[in-house]
């Protein structure tokens, strides 16, 4: 007797439908932001005739290639507001989505190594408190209590002079987050279509009315771009330019270890950030490669400097072994803040420019982008992040303002 073929996905995940000829809304990109947008279009606005198109596999881009840090302690009012909204959504999403994606509020510690670091850190703590964000300034001995494995000896090359601390911050399991959002969106009728690359746009004058894909033409009332590092490529196909540059961003993990690292530690001065995943591997990242590119890999010297910084801060890691490295494609704007809103093309909306901060913003990005697509107007939280700020000069300059932009 021949066994029945296995389904493409277990039935507790999601359907794999063929694309229909038309939808009310098409979202380009099935990463965290695209999936969250589809979820909130259905949940908050009752719009379920939605397709999320992904050129590869669901959540296989930056969503699968990040270091999973979640925090809201950004300096500027506009940034703090949207990231704090995201953190509040993170705190209730496991119950709301009925999925334990291992959200762990273990805190994020940003170290200060110079007097300028101290001044910037104290300034940011005060700004955070004014915006209702939990933030503390820790002296050196308090840093050692929060994370005992940090080297706080005064004889180090970059002595730890203190640090900012956000207790509610933490990490989550990135692929589980994607699966949770996908499952719930699918249950509400959203079509999640993989292996469907958008190759162009169907236009009626200055208005988008659909997309051309590797699986045929799909008409749409409205189209939302949530394609991260490839946003500028798609925008050019639609007939306009985005002030975005794409860079590789690398990260790596060690082999598994017993629990030794209780929080998330970030240092801009020696430039590394480290946490320990639930399974036990050390997860480390640093800055972007300076060149522009679309390869999901980066330069060896960045990893080398990152390792030197990690061992400087954590001598206990000196004998740890790197298990694997990877790279994502991050989209960076001139002021290191995102673009969420309308475009010069009618019915076409864009969510991009999150740089290295996209994962932590996932629910708020979806919430505000869904509102913008559904109503045609920005939500108050994403109104400051409009594309026209690069001509009006109303920039939200987070370059270095939040100590580390990750």
Protein backbone atom coordinates (compact mmCIF):
# COMPACT_ATOMS: atom_id res chain seq x y z
CA UNK A 1 0.00 0.00 0.00
CA UNK A 2 1.44 3.37 -1.05
CA UNK A 3 1.70 5.96 1.72
CA UNK A 4 -0.10 9.24 1.20
CA UNK A 5 2.25 12.10 0.25
CA UNK A 6 3.21 14.42 3.08
CA UNK A 7 1.67 17.90 2.97
CA UNK A 8 3.99 20.78 2.10
CA UNK A 9 3.49 22.22 5.59
CA UNK A 10 2.10 20.63 8.74
CA UNK A 11 -1.51 21.72 9.12
CA UNK A 12 -0.65 23.73 12.23
CA UNK A 13 1.38 26.14 10.11
CA UNK A 14 -0.25 27.71 7.03
CA UNK A 15 -1.72 27.02 3.61
CA UNK A 16 0.31 27.24 0.38
CA UNK A 17 -2.24 28.66 -2.07
CA UNK A 18 -1.68 29.63 -5.66
CA UNK A 19 -2.00 33.37 -6.25
CA UNK A 20 -5.44 34.61 -7.20
CA UNK A 21 -5.91 37.10 -10.09
CA UNK A 22 -6.51 40.04 -7.74
CA UNK A 23 -6.49 41.16 -4.11
CA UNK A 24 -7.49 44.23 -2.17
CA UNK A 25 -3.91 44.51 -0.88
CA UNK A 26 -0.64 42.92 -1.96
CA UNK A 27 2.32 43.04 0.43
CA UNK A 28 5.74 42.51 -1.15
CA UNK A 29 8.01 40.68 1.29
CA UNK A 30 7.12 37.89 3.72
CA UNK A 31 9.56 38.82 6.44
CA UNK A 32 8.56 39.97 9.90
CA UNK A 33 7.31 43.38 8.74
CA UNK A 34 5.31 42.01 5.82
CA UNK A 35 3.71 39.30 7.96
CA UNK A 36 2.95 41.74 10.78
CA UNK A 37 1.37 44.15 8.29
CA UNK A 38 -0.87 41.41 6.92
CA UNK A 39 -1.81 40.31 10.45
CA UNK A 40 -2.78 43.82 11.54
CA UNK A 41 -4.61 44.55 8.27
CA UNK A 42 -6.84 41.60 9.15
CA UNK A 43 -7.02 42.11 12.91
CA UNK A 44 -7.28 45.89 13.17
CA UNK A 45 -8.95 46.80 9.87
CA UNK A 46 -10.89 43.71 8.79
CA UNK A 47 -9.02 43.52 5.47
CA UNK A 48 -8.41 39.85 4.73
CA UNK A 49 -8.34 39.77 0.92
CA UNK A 50 -4.57 40.12 1.16
CA UNK A 51 -1.60 38.38 -0.45
CA UNK A 52 1.91 38.42 0.97
CA UNK A 53 4.41 37.68 -1.82
CA UNK A 54 7.87 36.31 -1.11
CA UNK A 55 10.50 35.66 -3.77
CA UNK A 56 12.11 32.92 -1.65
CA UNK A 57 10.78 31.18 1.40
CA UNK A 58 8.75 32.80 4.13
CA UNK A 59 10.93 34.77 6.57
CA UNK A 60 14.12 33.63 4.85
CA UNK A 61 15.67 37.09 4.45
CA UNK A 62 16.66 39.47 7.24
CA UNK A 63 14.12 37.84 9.56
CA UNK A 64 16.30 34.73 9.55
CA UNK A 65 19.54 36.75 9.63
CA UNK A 66 19.44 38.97 12.68
CA UNK A 67 20.52 38.90 16.31
CA UNK A 68 16.96 39.13 17.73
CA UNK A 69 17.53 42.07 20.09
CA UNK A 70 14.41 43.94 21.22
CA UNK A 71 14.62 47.33 22.95
CA UNK A 72 13.04 50.79 22.87
CA UNK A 73 15.65 53.05 24.48
CA UNK A 74 16.18 55.33 21.48
CA UNK A 75 17.05 58.99 21.96
CA UNK A 76 14.64 61.01 19.84
CA UNK A 77 10.97 61.34 20.74
CA UNK A 78 9.74 59.94 17.42
CA UNK A 79 11.97 56.87 17.62
CA UNK A 80 11.24 56.19 21.28
CA UNK A 81 7.50 56.37 20.61
CA UNK A 82 7.39 53.81 17.82
CA UNK A 83 9.89 51.41 19.42
CA UNK A 84 8.15 51.62 22.81
CA UNK A 85 4.85 50.84 21.08
CA UNK A 86 6.60 47.84 19.55
CA UNK A 87 7.89 46.68 22.95
CA UNK A 88 4.41 46.93 24.48
CA UNK A 89 3.06 44.86 21.60
CA UNK A 90 5.87 42.30 22.07
CA UNK A 91 4.83 41.92 25.71
CA UNK A 92 1.32 40.77 24.79
CA UNK A 93 1.91 39.02 21.45
CA UNK A 94 2.73 35.52 22.77
CA UNK A 95 -0.69 35.31 24.38
CA UNK A 96 -2.44 37.11 21.53
CA UNK A 97 -0.93 34.84 18.87
CA UNK A 98 -1.15 31.77 21.12
CA UNK A 99 2.46 30.92 20.35
CA UNK A 100 5.44 30.87 22.69
CA UNK A 101 8.17 32.46 20.59
CA UNK A 102 10.53 32.63 23.59
CA UNK A 103 10.30 36.35 24.27
CA UNK A 104 12.79 36.84 27.10
CA UNK A 105 12.92 40.23 28.85
CA UNK A 106 16.44 39.81 30.18
CA UNK A 107 17.42 43.48 29.71
CA UNK A 108 19.84 45.29 27.43
CA UNK A 109 23.00 46.91 28.77
CA UNK A 110 24.85 49.57 26.73
CA UNK A 111 28.39 50.10 28.04
CA UNK A 112 30.21 53.42 28.32
CA UNK A 113 34.00 53.48 27.93
CA UNK A 114 34.78 57.21 27.64
CA UNK A 115 33.56 60.40 29.24
CA UNK A 116 31.70 61.20 26.03
CA UNK A 117 30.00 57.79 26.22
CA UNK A 118 28.95 58.63 29.79
CA UNK A 119 27.52 62.02 28.78
CA UNK A 120 25.61 60.50 25.88
CA UNK A 121 24.35 57.63 28.02
CA UNK A 122 23.06 59.84 30.82
CA UNK A 123 21.42 62.12 28.27
CA UNK A 124 19.66 59.15 26.68
CA UNK A 125 18.48 57.78 30.03
CA UNK A 126 16.92 61.15 30.88
CA UNK A 127 15.30 61.39 27.44
CA UNK A 128 13.94 57.85 27.79
CA UNK A 129 12.39 58.61 31.17
CA UNK A 130 10.69 61.71 29.79
CA UNK A 131 9.18 59.48 27.10
CA UNK A 132 7.99 56.82 29.56
CA UNK A 133 10.67 54.31 28.57
CA UNK A 134 12.23 52.31 31.41
CA UNK A 135 15.90 53.25 31.56
CA UNK A 136 18.59 53.35 34.22
CA UNK A 137 22.16 54.58 34.49
CA UNK A 138 24.44 51.99 36.11
CA UNK A 139 27.80 52.70 37.68
CA UNK A 140 30.65 50.27 37.07
CA UNK A 141 29.94 48.11 40.13
CA UNK A 142 26.26 47.92 39.15
CA UNK A 143 27.24 46.81 35.63
CA UNK A 144 29.18 43.94 37.22
CA UNK A 145 26.13 42.90 39.23
CA UNK A 146 23.87 42.84 36.15
CA UNK A 147 26.42 40.96 34.03
CA UNK A 148 29.21 39.41 36.13
CA UNK A 149 31.19 38.13 33.12
CA UNK A 150 31.90 41.63 31.76
CA UNK A 151 35.49 42.68 32.38
CA UNK A 152 35.21 45.83 34.53
CA UNK A 153 38.87 45.91 35.60
CA UNK A 154 40.28 49.46 35.45
CA UNK A 155 43.40 48.11 33.74
CA UNK A 156 41.65 47.15 30.51
CA UNK A 157 42.27 49.01 27.27
CA UNK A 158 38.66 50.29 27.26
CA UNK A 159 37.60 50.48 30.92
CA UNK A 160 33.89 50.25 31.68
CA UNK A 161 32.81 53.58 33.18
CA UNK A 162 29.16 52.59 33.52
CA UNK A 163 26.27 51.90 31.21
CA UNK A 164 22.61 52.40 30.36
CA UNK A 165 20.21 49.57 31.16
CA UNK A 166 16.69 48.84 29.97
CA UNK A 167 15.24 46.00 32.09
CA UNK A 168 12.20 45.32 29.84
CA UNK A 169 14.33 44.80 26.74
CA UNK A 170 15.49 41.37 25.62
CA UNK A 171 15.39 38.83 22.82
CA UNK A 172 12.94 36.53 21.02
CA UNK A 173 13.22 33.52 18.74
CA UNK A 174 13.03 35.14 15.31
CA UNK A 175 11.76 32.21 13.23
CA UNK A 176 9.09 31.40 15.81
CA UNK A 177 7.90 35.02 15.62
CA UNK A 178 7.50 34.69 11.85
CA UNK A 179 5.67 31.38 12.14
CA UNK A 180 3.32 32.80 14.79
CA UNK A 181 2.38 35.80 12.65
CA UNK A 182 2.08 33.69 9.50
CA UNK A 183 -0.16 31.11 11.15
CA UNK A 184 -2.53 33.70 12.56
CA UNK A 185 -2.67 35.74 9.32
CA UNK A 186 -3.38 32.55 7.37
CA UNK A 187 -6.21 31.63 9.75
CA UNK A 188 -7.82 35.00 9.01
CA UNK A 189 -7.72 34.39 5.26
CA UNK A 190 -4.47 36.00 4.15
CA UNK A 191 -2.69 34.18 1.29
CA UNK A 192 1.03 33.60 1.95
CA UNK A 193 2.64 32.95 -1.42
CA UNK A 194 6.26 31.81 -1.51
CA UNK A 195 8.59 31.53 -4.51
CA UNK A 196 6.79 34.45 -6.11
CA UNK A 197 9.19 37.25 -7.04
CA UNK A 198 7.82 40.68 -7.92
CA UNK A 199 9.48 41.72 -11.18
CA UNK A 200 7.54 44.88 -11.96
CA UNK A 201 4.41 46.92 -11.41
CA UNK A 202 1.17 47.28 -13.34
CA UNK A 203 0.32 50.97 -13.64
CA UNK A 204 -2.60 52.99 -14.88
CA UNK A 205 -1.04 56.39 -15.43
CA UNK A 206 0.60 57.41 -12.15
CA UNK A 207 -1.33 54.80 -10.19
CA UNK A 208 -0.25 51.24 -9.32
CA UNK A 209 -2.99 48.69 -9.97
CA UNK A 210 -1.02 45.46 -9.59
CA UNK A 211 2.31 43.66 -9.74
CA UNK A 212 4.10 41.51 -12.27
CA UNK A 213 5.54 38.38 -10.69
CA UNK A 214 7.40 35.21 -11.61
CA UNK A 215 4.02 33.50 -11.25
CA UNK A 216 2.04 35.91 -13.40
CA UNK A 217 0.27 39.23 -13.07
CA UNK A 218 -1.61 39.95 -9.83
CA UNK A 219 -3.91 42.97 -9.66
CA UNK A 220 -4.25 44.89 -6.41
CA UNK A 221 -6.15 47.83 -5.00
CA UNK A 222 -3.09 48.81 -2.98
CA UNK A 223 0.50 47.57 -2.80
CA UNK A 224 2.82 47.74 0.19
CA UNK A 225 6.58 47.29 -0.12
CA UNK A 226 8.24 45.58 2.86
CA UNK A 227 11.33 44.24 1.12
CA UNK A 228 14.11 45.61 3.37
CA UNK A 229 17.43 45.65 1.47
CA UNK A 230 15.75 45.34 -1.94
CA UNK A 231 13.34 48.23 -1.37
CA UNK A 232 15.33 50.64 -3.55
CA UNK A 233 15.40 48.13 -6.41
CA UNK A 234 11.62 47.74 -6.34
CA UNK A 235 11.08 51.49 -6.02
CA UNK A 236 13.07 52.11 -9.19
CA UNK A 237 10.92 49.56 -11.01
CA UNK A 238 7.89 51.54 -9.85
CA UNK A 239 9.37 54.79 -11.17
CA UNK A 240 10.80 56.62 -8.15
CA UNK A 241 13.97 56.62 -6.04
CA UNK A 242 14.37 55.97 -2.34
CA UNK A 243 17.12 57.63 -0.24
CA UNK A 244 18.32 54.19 0.84
CA UNK A 245 21.62 52.36 0.61
CA UNK A 246 21.94 48.61 1.16
CA UNK A 247 24.84 47.14 3.12
CA UNK A 248 25.75 43.67 4.37
CA UNK A 249 25.43 43.19 8.14
CA UNK A 250 27.20 40.19 9.63
CA UNK A 251 26.62 38.18 12.76
CA UNK A 252 27.82 34.87 14.16
CA UNK A 253 27.16 32.25 16.81
CA UNK A 254 29.37 30.02 18.89
CA UNK A 255 28.84 26.39 19.71
CA UNK A 256 26.47 25.62 22.59
CA UNK A 257 27.46 26.56 26.15
CA UNK A 258 25.92 26.32 29.57
CA UNK A 259 24.08 29.53 30.59
CA UNK A 260 26.77 32.11 31.38
CA UNK A 261 25.44 35.37 29.92
CA UNK A 262 22.34 36.69 31.73
CA UNK A 263 21.51 39.76 29.63
CA UNK A 264 22.31 41.51 26.32
CA UNK A 265 25.48 43.62 26.31
CA UNK A 266 26.25 46.21 23.67
CA UNK A 267 29.31 48.40 23.23
CA UNK A 268 29.62 51.02 20.54
CA UNK A 269 33.18 51.96 21.41
CA UNK A 270 34.69 48.51 20.88
CA UNK A 271 31.69 47.70 18.67
CA UNK A 272 30.23 44.38 19.52
CA UNK A 273 26.94 43.20 20.99
CA UNK A 274 26.49 39.81 22.62
CA UNK A 275 23.65 37.74 24.00
CA UNK A 276 23.15 34.06 24.69
CA UNK A 277 20.37 32.26 22.85
CA UNK A 278 17.94 29.92 24.52
CA UNK A 279 19.78 26.84 23.26
CA UNK A 280 23.09 28.12 24.60
CA UNK A 281 24.99 29.58 21.66
CA UNK A 282 26.57 33.02 22.03
CA UNK A 283 25.10 35.40 19.44
CA UNK A 284 27.35 38.26 18.38
CA UNK A 285 27.10 41.15 15.96
CA UNK A 286 28.83 44.40 15.10
CA UNK A 287 28.55 47.12 12.45
CA UNK A 288 27.69 47.03 8.79
CA UNK A 289 30.27 46.54 6.07
CA UNK A 290 30.92 49.97 4.59
CA UNK A 291 30.43 48.99 0.96
CA UNK A 292 27.05 48.72 -0.77
CA UNK A 293 25.95 45.26 -1.77
CA UNK A 294 23.19 42.67 -1.91
CA UNK A 295 25.22 39.60 -0.94
CA UNK A 296 24.21 37.82 2.26
CA UNK A 297 27.79 37.72 3.44
CA UNK A 298 30.47 40.21 4.43
CA UNK A 299 34.17 40.86 4.91
CA UNK A 300 36.41 38.82 7.17
CA UNK A 301 38.01 41.86 8.84
CA UNK A 302 34.64 42.83 10.35
CA UNK A 303 34.39 39.42 12.02
CA UNK A 304 38.00 39.68 13.17
CA UNK A 305 37.43 43.05 14.85
CA UNK A 306 34.18 41.81 16.33
CA UNK A 307 35.94 38.83 17.92
CA UNK A 308 38.68 41.04 19.32
CA UNK A 309 36.07 43.31 20.89
CA UNK A 310 34.16 40.37 22.37
CA UNK A 311 37.27 38.90 24.00
CA UNK A 312 38.23 42.36 25.29
CA UNK A 313 34.91 42.65 27.11
CA UNK A 314 34.43 38.97 27.96
CA UNK A 315 37.74 37.20 28.61
CA UNK A 316 35.73 34.08 29.45
CA UNK A 317 34.87 33.78 25.72
CA UNK A 318 38.51 33.49 24.64
CA UNK A 319 38.33 29.73 24.11
CA UNK A 320 34.84 29.66 22.57
CA UNK A 321 34.58 28.41 19.00
CA UNK A 322 32.65 30.13 16.21
CA UNK A 323 30.06 27.75 14.80
CA UNK A 324 28.73 29.76 11.85
CA UNK A 325 28.48 33.28 10.44
CA UNK A 326 25.88 34.88 8.22
CA UNK A 327 24.92 38.22 6.72
CA UNK A 328 21.74 40.14 6.06
CA UNK A 329 21.07 43.04 3.68
CA UNK A 330 20.18 46.15 5.65
CA UNK A 331 18.65 49.27 4.13
CA UNK A 332 20.01 52.49 5.62
CA UNK A 333 18.66 56.03 5.19
CA UNK A 334 20.70 59.25 5.62
CA UNK A 335 19.33 59.78 9.15
CA UNK A 336 19.31 56.08 10.18
CA UNK A 337 15.54 56.15 10.69
CA UNK A 338 12.90 54.29 8.69
CA UNK A 339 10.53 55.39 5.96
CA UNK A 340 6.91 54.33 6.52
CA UNK A 341 4.20 55.89 4.42
CA UNK A 342 3.03 56.95 1.00
CA UNK A 343 5.16 57.26 -2.13
CA UNK A 344 4.99 59.51 -5.22
CA UNK A 345 3.09 56.66 -6.90
CA UNK A 346 -0.60 56.46 -6.00
CA UNK A 347 -1.70 53.26 -4.21
CA UNK A 348 1.93 52.29 -3.54
CA UNK A 349 3.19 52.41 0.05
CA UNK A 350 6.63 51.73 1.48
CA UNK A 351 8.07 50.45 4.75
CA UNK A 352 11.87 50.46 4.59
CA UNK A 353 15.08 52.01 5.88
CA UNK A 354 15.10 50.27 9.27
CA UNK A 355 18.80 49.59 8.91
CA UNK A 356 19.93 47.34 11.74
CA UNK A 357 16.82 47.97 13.89
CA UNK A 358 14.13 46.17 11.94
CA UNK A 359 13.51 43.07 14.05
CA UNK A 360 12.78 44.92 17.28
CA UNK A 361 10.26 47.13 15.47
CA UNK A 362 8.34 44.23 13.87
CA UNK A 363 4.92 44.61 15.55
CA UNK A 364 4.88 48.42 15.51
CA UNK A 365 6.03 48.50 11.90
CA UNK A 366 3.19 46.15 10.98
CA UNK A 367 0.67 48.08 13.09
CA UNK A 368 1.47 51.48 11.57
CA UNK A 369 2.02 50.24 8.00
CA UNK A 370 -1.31 48.40 8.07
CA UNK A 371 -3.03 51.58 9.26
CA UNK A 372 -1.40 53.60 6.48
CA UNK A 373 -2.36 51.12 3.77
CA UNK A 374 -5.92 50.67 5.08
CA UNK A 375 -6.72 54.36 5.52
CA UNK A 376 -4.37 56.03 3.05
CA UNK A 377 -3.12 58.23 5.90
CA UNK A 378 -0.23 57.72 8.32
CA UNK A 379 -0.74 56.61 11.88
CA UNK A 380 0.46 59.26 14.39
CA UNK A 381 3.41 57.02 15.23
CA UNK A 382 4.72 56.81 11.67
CA UNK A 383 3.73 60.27 10.49
CA UNK A 384 7.20 61.70 11.32
CA UNK A 385 8.83 58.95 9.24
CA UNK A 386 7.41 60.15 5.92
CA UNK A 387 9.53 60.13 2.77
CA UNK A 388 9.25 63.90 2.34
CA UNK A 389 11.34 64.60 5.46
CA UNK A 390 14.41 64.33 3.25
CA UNK A 391 13.24 67.42 1.34
CA UNK A 392 11.69 69.34 4.26
CA UNK A 393 14.70 68.75 6.51
CA UNK A 394 12.65 67.30 9.40
CA UNK A 395 15.16 64.50 9.94
CA UNK A 396 15.18 62.05 12.87
CA UNK A 397 18.91 61.60 13.15
CA UNK A 398 19.56 58.38 15.07
CA UNK A 399 23.11 57.95 13.72
CA UNK A 400 24.95 57.13 16.92
CA UNK A 401 22.32 58.87 19.04
CA UNK A 402 21.12 55.60 20.54
CA UNK A 403 24.68 54.42 21.35
CA UNK A 404 24.37 51.42 19.06
CA UNK A 405 21.82 51.37 16.25
CA UNK A 406 21.07 47.63 16.49
